[in-house]
Amino acid sequence: MGDNWCTIESDPGVFTELMTEGFGVPGVQMEELWSLDMAVEEKNAPMYGLIFLFKYTGEKDERPTEEAADLPDLFFANQVITNACATQAILAVLLNSPEVDLGGTLGEVKAF
């Protein structure tokens, strides 16, 4: 495996281009929210997910988590390389949103 993933700028326009041009998912757009109050406003509907950005500290989190086996319709990909967190988060939102047209490429990935 590679040591690092190509770091992408945390910018809604860059993320939108990754989803539409890179992954081939039509009709989706990333919006930046400055407060959760903005998330409930009608202008941001439909909303398929929220991605929270936190600085990585390397500390082990001992909180209990759900097991993927207990959630059979959940798509989950374990990040095994550094700097892939934005890509992983975007894929998780898209692949767990059944109402989103994934397009050819990402639809084939999910079907696989």
N, C-alpha and C. Protein backbone atom coordinates (compact mmCIF):
# COMPACT_ATOMS: atom_id res chain seq x y z
N MET A 1 0.83 -1.18 0.00
CA MET A 1 0.00 0.00 0.00
C MET A 1 0.88 1.24 0.00
N GLY A 2 0.32 2.31 -0.53
CA GLY A 2 1.05 3.56 -0.53
C GLY A 2 1.15 4.14 0.86
N ASP A 3 2.12 5.00 1.05
CA ASP A 3 2.30 5.61 2.36
C ASP A 3 1.26 6.69 2.62
N ASN A 4 0.89 7.43 1.61
CA ASN A 4 -0.03 8.54 1.80
C ASN A 4 -1.00 8.65 0.63
N TRP A 5 -2.12 9.22 0.90
CA TRP A 5 -3.13 9.56 -0.09
C TRP A 5 -2.85 10.99 -0.50
N CYS A 6 -3.20 11.37 -1.69
CA CYS A 6 -3.01 12.75 -2.12
C CYS A 6 -3.91 13.66 -1.28
N THR A 7 -3.32 14.56 -0.54
CA THR A 7 -4.08 15.48 0.30
C THR A 7 -4.88 16.43 -0.59
N ILE A 8 -6.17 16.58 -0.28
CA ILE A 8 -6.99 17.54 -1.02
C ILE A 8 -7.41 18.65 -0.08
N GLU A 9 -7.57 19.82 -0.64
CA GLU A 9 -7.95 20.99 0.15
C GLU A 9 -9.35 20.82 0.71
N SER A 10 -9.53 21.20 1.97
CA SER A 10 -10.85 21.13 2.60
C SER A 10 -11.69 22.31 2.11
N ASP A 11 -12.20 22.17 0.90
CA ASP A 11 -12.96 23.23 0.25
C ASP A 11 -14.19 22.61 -0.39
N PRO A 12 -15.38 23.19 -0.18
CA PRO A 12 -16.59 22.61 -0.76
C PRO A 12 -16.54 22.47 -2.28
N GLY A 13 -15.91 23.40 -2.96
CA GLY A 13 -15.80 23.32 -4.42
C GLY A 13 -14.93 22.15 -4.86
N VAL A 14 -13.85 21.92 -4.14
CA VAL A 14 -12.96 20.80 -4.45
C VAL A 14 -13.69 19.48 -4.19
N PHE A 15 -14.41 19.41 -3.08
CA PHE A 15 -15.17 18.19 -2.75
C PHE A 15 -16.28 17.95 -3.78
N THR A 16 -16.95 19.01 -4.21
CA THR A 16 -18.00 18.87 -5.23
C THR A 16 -17.41 18.34 -6.53
N GLU A 17 -16.27 18.87 -6.93
CA GLU A 17 -15.62 18.40 -8.15
C GLU A 17 -15.19 16.94 -8.02
N LEU A 18 -14.70 16.54 -6.84
CA LEU A 18 -14.34 15.15 -6.61
C LEU A 18 -15.55 14.24 -6.78
N MET A 19 -16.69 14.66 -6.22
CA MET A 19 -17.90 13.84 -6.30
C MET A 19 -18.45 13.76 -7.73
N THR A 20 -18.52 14.90 -8.40
CA THR A 20 -19.17 14.93 -9.72
C THR A 20 -18.23 14.52 -10.85
N GLU A 21 -17.03 15.06 -10.88
CA GLU A 21 -16.09 14.77 -11.95
C GLU A 21 -15.26 13.52 -11.66
N GLY A 22 -14.79 13.39 -10.43
CA GLY A 22 -13.94 12.27 -10.07
C GLY A 22 -14.70 10.96 -9.93
N PHE A 23 -15.79 11.01 -9.14
CA PHE A 23 -16.58 9.80 -8.90
C PHE A 23 -17.70 9.63 -9.91
N GLY A 24 -18.06 10.69 -10.64
CA GLY A 24 -19.12 10.59 -11.64
C GLY A 24 -20.53 10.59 -11.08
N VAL A 25 -20.72 11.18 -9.90
CA VAL A 25 -22.04 11.23 -9.27
C VAL A 25 -22.73 12.53 -9.70
N PRO A 26 -23.83 12.43 -10.44
CA PRO A 26 -24.49 13.64 -10.93
C PRO A 26 -25.39 14.29 -9.88
N GLY A 27 -25.50 15.61 -9.96
CA GLY A 27 -26.50 16.33 -9.18
C GLY A 27 -26.24 16.47 -7.70
N VAL A 28 -25.00 16.34 -7.25
CA VAL A 28 -24.69 16.54 -5.83
C VAL A 28 -23.75 17.72 -5.68
N GLN A 29 -23.79 18.33 -4.52
CA GLN A 29 -22.95 19.49 -4.26
C GLN A 29 -22.61 19.52 -2.78
N MET A 30 -21.38 19.87 -2.45
CA MET A 30 -20.93 20.00 -1.08
C MET A 30 -21.11 21.46 -0.66
N GLU A 31 -21.63 21.67 0.53
CA GLU A 31 -21.79 23.01 1.09
C GLU A 31 -21.08 23.07 2.43
N GLU A 32 -20.45 24.19 2.71
CA GLU A 32 -19.79 24.38 4.00
C GLU A 32 -20.78 25.04 4.96
N LEU A 33 -20.88 24.47 6.15
CA LEU A 33 -21.75 25.03 7.19
C LEU A 33 -20.89 25.62 8.29
N TRP A 34 -21.29 26.77 8.77
CA TRP A 34 -20.55 27.40 9.87
C TRP A 34 -21.22 27.16 11.21
N SER A 35 -22.44 26.66 11.18
CA SER A 35 -23.14 26.28 12.40
C SER A 35 -24.16 25.21 12.06
N LEU A 36 -24.55 24.43 13.05
CA LEU A 36 -25.56 23.41 12.80
C LEU A 36 -26.92 24.02 12.55
N ASP A 37 -27.12 25.28 12.96
CA ASP A 37 -28.38 25.96 12.64
C ASP A 37 -28.56 26.04 11.13
N MET A 38 -27.46 26.21 10.40
CA MET A 38 -27.54 26.28 8.93
C MET A 38 -27.99 24.94 8.35
N ALA A 39 -27.70 23.84 9.06
CA ALA A 39 -28.03 22.51 8.56
C ALA A 39 -29.53 22.26 8.53
N VAL A 40 -30.27 22.98 9.35
CA VAL A 40 -31.71 22.73 9.41
C VAL A 40 -32.51 23.68 8.52
N GLU A 41 -31.83 24.63 7.91
CA GLU A 41 -32.53 25.54 7.01
C GLU A 41 -32.94 24.81 5.74
N GLU A 42 -34.10 25.16 5.22
CA GLU A 42 -34.65 24.49 4.05
C GLU A 42 -33.77 24.63 2.82
N LYS A 43 -33.00 25.70 2.71
CA LYS A 43 -32.19 25.91 1.51
C LYS A 43 -31.13 24.84 1.31
N ASN A 44 -30.79 24.12 2.37
CA ASN A 44 -29.78 23.07 2.26
C ASN A 44 -30.40 21.69 2.05
N ALA A 45 -31.69 21.64 1.77
CA ALA A 45 -32.36 20.34 1.57
C ALA A 45 -32.29 19.96 0.10
N PRO A 46 -32.17 18.73 -0.28
CA PRO A 46 -31.98 17.60 0.63
C PRO A 46 -30.53 17.51 1.11
N MET A 47 -30.36 17.05 2.32
CA MET A 47 -29.03 16.89 2.90
C MET A 47 -28.81 15.40 3.12
N TYR A 48 -27.73 14.88 2.58
CA TYR A 48 -27.46 13.44 2.65
C TYR A 48 -26.53 13.08 3.80
N GLY A 49 -25.80 14.04 4.32
CA GLY A 49 -24.90 13.74 5.43
C GLY A 49 -24.15 14.97 5.88
N LEU A 50 -23.54 14.86 7.03
CA LEU A 50 -22.67 15.90 7.57
C LEU A 50 -21.28 15.29 7.76
N ILE A 51 -20.27 16.04 7.41
CA ILE A 51 -18.89 15.60 7.61
C ILE A 51 -18.25 16.59 8.57
N PHE A 52 -17.80 16.09 9.71
CA PHE A 52 -17.15 16.93 10.71
C PHE A 52 -15.64 16.75 10.58
N LEU A 53 -14.92 17.86 10.59
CA LEU A 53 -13.47 17.82 10.48
C LEU A 53 -12.84 18.07 11.84
N PHE A 54 -11.96 17.18 12.25
CA PHE A 54 -11.26 17.30 13.51
C PHE A 54 -9.78 17.05 13.26
N LYS A 55 -8.94 17.73 14.02
CA LYS A 55 -7.50 17.48 13.91
C LYS A 55 -7.19 16.12 14.53
N TYR A 56 -6.45 15.31 13.80
CA TYR A 56 -6.07 13.98 14.28
C TYR A 56 -5.03 14.11 15.38
N THR A 57 -5.28 13.43 16.51
CA THR A 57 -4.34 13.50 17.62
C THR A 57 -3.56 12.22 17.84
N GLY A 58 -4.00 11.12 17.24
CA GLY A 58 -3.31 9.86 17.40
C GLY A 58 -3.69 9.11 18.67
N GLU A 59 -4.57 9.68 19.49
CA GLU A 59 -4.99 9.03 20.72
C GLU A 59 -6.00 7.93 20.42
N LYS A 60 -5.92 6.85 21.17
CA LYS A 60 -6.87 5.75 21.00
C LYS A 60 -8.19 6.12 21.66
N ASP A 61 -9.28 5.92 20.95
CA ASP A 61 -10.62 6.22 21.44
C ASP A 61 -11.23 4.94 21.99
N GLU A 62 -11.51 4.91 23.27
CA GLU A 62 -12.02 3.70 23.91
C GLU A 62 -13.55 3.64 23.98
N ARG A 63 -14.24 4.64 23.36
CA ARG A 63 -15.70 4.63 23.42
C ARG A 63 -16.25 3.43 22.64
N PRO A 64 -17.38 2.89 23.10
CA PRO A 64 -17.98 1.76 22.37
C PRO A 64 -18.50 2.21 21.01
N THR A 65 -18.46 1.30 20.05
CA THR A 65 -18.94 1.59 18.70
C THR A 65 -19.87 0.49 18.24
N GLU A 66 -20.65 0.78 17.22
CA GLU A 66 -21.51 -0.23 16.60
C GLU A 66 -20.65 -1.16 15.75
N GLU A 67 -20.98 -2.40 15.72
CA GLU A 67 -20.31 -3.35 14.85
C GLU A 67 -20.99 -3.30 13.48
N ALA A 68 -20.21 -3.27 12.42
CA ALA A 68 -20.76 -3.21 11.06
C ALA A 68 -21.68 -4.40 10.80
N ALA A 69 -21.41 -5.54 11.41
CA ALA A 69 -22.25 -6.73 11.20
C ALA A 69 -23.66 -6.51 11.73
N ASP A 70 -23.83 -5.62 12.70
CA ASP A 70 -25.15 -5.33 13.26
C ASP A 70 -25.94 -4.37 12.39
N LEU A 71 -25.31 -3.78 11.38
CA LEU A 71 -25.95 -2.81 10.49
C LEU A 71 -25.74 -3.28 9.05
N PRO A 72 -26.51 -4.25 8.58
CA PRO A 72 -26.24 -4.89 7.29
C PRO A 72 -26.34 -3.96 6.08
N ASP A 73 -27.08 -2.87 6.15
CA ASP A 73 -27.20 -1.97 5.00
C ASP A 73 -26.19 -0.84 5.03
N LEU A 74 -25.29 -0.84 5.98
CA LEU A 74 -24.30 0.22 6.13
C LEU A 74 -23.06 -0.10 5.31
N PHE A 75 -22.62 0.89 4.49
CA PHE A 75 -21.34 0.76 3.79
C PHE A 75 -20.27 1.34 4.69
N PHE A 76 -19.20 0.60 4.93
CA PHE A 76 -18.09 1.09 5.75
C PHE A 76 -16.78 0.65 5.13
N ALA A 77 -15.87 1.59 5.00
CA ALA A 77 -14.53 1.27 4.51
C ALA A 77 -13.53 1.74 5.57
N ASN A 78 -12.69 0.85 6.02
CA ASN A 78 -11.70 1.17 7.02
C ASN A 78 -10.52 1.89 6.37
N GLN A 79 -10.19 3.06 6.89
CA GLN A 79 -9.07 3.83 6.34
C GLN A 79 -7.76 3.19 6.77
N VAL A 80 -6.93 2.82 5.81
CA VAL A 80 -5.67 2.15 6.14
C VAL A 80 -4.45 2.97 5.71
N ILE A 81 -4.67 4.11 5.08
CA ILE A 81 -3.56 4.98 4.72
C ILE A 81 -3.87 6.38 5.24
N THR A 82 -2.86 7.19 5.39
CA THR A 82 -3.06 8.53 5.92
C THR A 82 -3.59 9.47 4.84
N ASN A 83 -4.19 10.56 5.27
CA ASN A 83 -4.68 11.64 4.41
C ASN A 83 -5.87 11.27 3.54
N ALA A 84 -6.53 10.15 3.80
CA ALA A 84 -7.68 9.75 2.98
C ALA A 84 -9.00 10.05 3.66
N CYS A 85 -8.99 10.78 4.78
CA CYS A 85 -10.20 10.95 5.58
C CYS A 85 -11.31 11.67 4.82
N ALA A 86 -11.02 12.69 4.06
CA ALA A 86 -12.07 13.41 3.31
C ALA A 86 -12.67 12.50 2.24
N THR A 87 -11.84 11.79 1.52
CA THR A 87 -12.32 10.87 0.50
C THR A 87 -13.19 9.78 1.13
N GLN A 88 -12.75 9.23 2.23
CA GLN A 88 -13.50 8.19 2.93
C GLN A 88 -14.84 8.72 3.43
N ALA A 89 -14.85 9.93 3.97
CA ALA A 89 -16.09 10.51 4.48
C ALA A 89 -17.08 10.77 3.35
N ILE A 90 -16.60 11.30 2.25
CA ILE A 90 -17.48 11.56 1.10
C ILE A 90 -18.05 10.25 0.56
N LEU A 91 -17.21 9.24 0.42
CA LEU A 91 -17.69 7.94 -0.05
C LEU A 91 -18.72 7.34 0.90
N ALA A 92 -18.49 7.48 2.20
CA ALA A 92 -19.44 6.94 3.18
C ALA A 92 -20.80 7.61 3.05
N VAL A 93 -20.82 8.93 2.89
CA VAL A 93 -22.10 9.64 2.73
C VAL A 93 -22.79 9.20 1.45
N LEU A 94 -22.07 9.19 0.34
CA LEU A 94 -22.67 8.84 -0.95
C LEU A 94 -23.18 7.40 -0.97
N LEU A 95 -22.35 6.47 -0.50
CA LEU A 95 -22.71 5.05 -0.58
C LEU A 95 -23.77 4.65 0.44
N ASN A 96 -24.03 5.49 1.42
CA ASN A 96 -25.09 5.23 2.41
C ASN A 96 -26.32 6.07 2.16
N SER A 97 -26.44 6.68 0.99
CA SER A 97 -27.60 7.50 0.63
C SER A 97 -28.30 6.85 -0.56
N PRO A 98 -29.28 5.98 -0.30
CA PRO A 98 -29.92 5.23 -1.38
C PRO A 98 -30.63 6.12 -2.40
N GLU A 99 -31.00 7.34 -2.04
CA GLU A 99 -31.69 8.22 -2.97
C GLU A 99 -30.75 8.96 -3.92
N VAL A 100 -29.44 8.81 -3.74
CA VAL A 100 -28.46 9.46 -4.60
C VAL A 100 -28.16 8.56 -5.80
N ASP A 101 -28.22 9.14 -7.01
CA ASP A 101 -27.81 8.43 -8.22
C ASP A 101 -26.29 8.39 -8.23
N LEU A 102 -25.72 7.22 -8.01
CA LEU A 102 -24.26 7.09 -7.90
C LEU A 102 -23.54 7.16 -9.23
N GLY A 103 -24.27 7.11 -10.33
CA GLY A 103 -23.61 7.10 -11.63
C GLY A 103 -23.00 5.73 -11.89
N GLY A 104 -22.35 5.60 -13.03
CA GLY A 104 -21.82 4.31 -13.45
C GLY A 104 -20.70 3.77 -12.59
N THR A 105 -19.65 4.55 -12.42
CA THR A 105 -18.45 4.06 -11.74
C THR A 105 -18.72 3.72 -10.28
N LEU A 106 -19.25 4.67 -9.52
CA LEU A 106 -19.48 4.45 -8.11
C LEU A 106 -20.60 3.44 -7.88
N GLY A 107 -21.58 3.41 -8.78
CA GLY A 107 -22.63 2.40 -8.70
C GLY A 107 -22.07 0.99 -8.86
N GLU A 108 -21.11 0.84 -9.77
CA GLU A 108 -20.46 -0.46 -9.96
C GLU A 108 -19.63 -0.85 -8.74
N VAL A 109 -18.97 0.13 -8.13
CA VAL A 109 -18.19 -0.15 -6.92
C VAL A 109 -19.12 -0.65 -5.82
N LYS A 110 -20.24 0.01 -5.63
CA LYS A 110 -21.17 -0.40 -4.58
C LYS A 110 -21.76 -1.78 -4.88
N ALA A 111 -22.07 -2.06 -6.14
CA ALA A 111 -22.65 -3.35 -6.51
C ALA A 111 -21.65 -4.49 -6.33
N PHE A 112 -20.36 -4.18 -6.45
CA PHE A 112 -19.32 -5.19 -6.33
C PHE A 112 -19.30 -5.74 -4.93
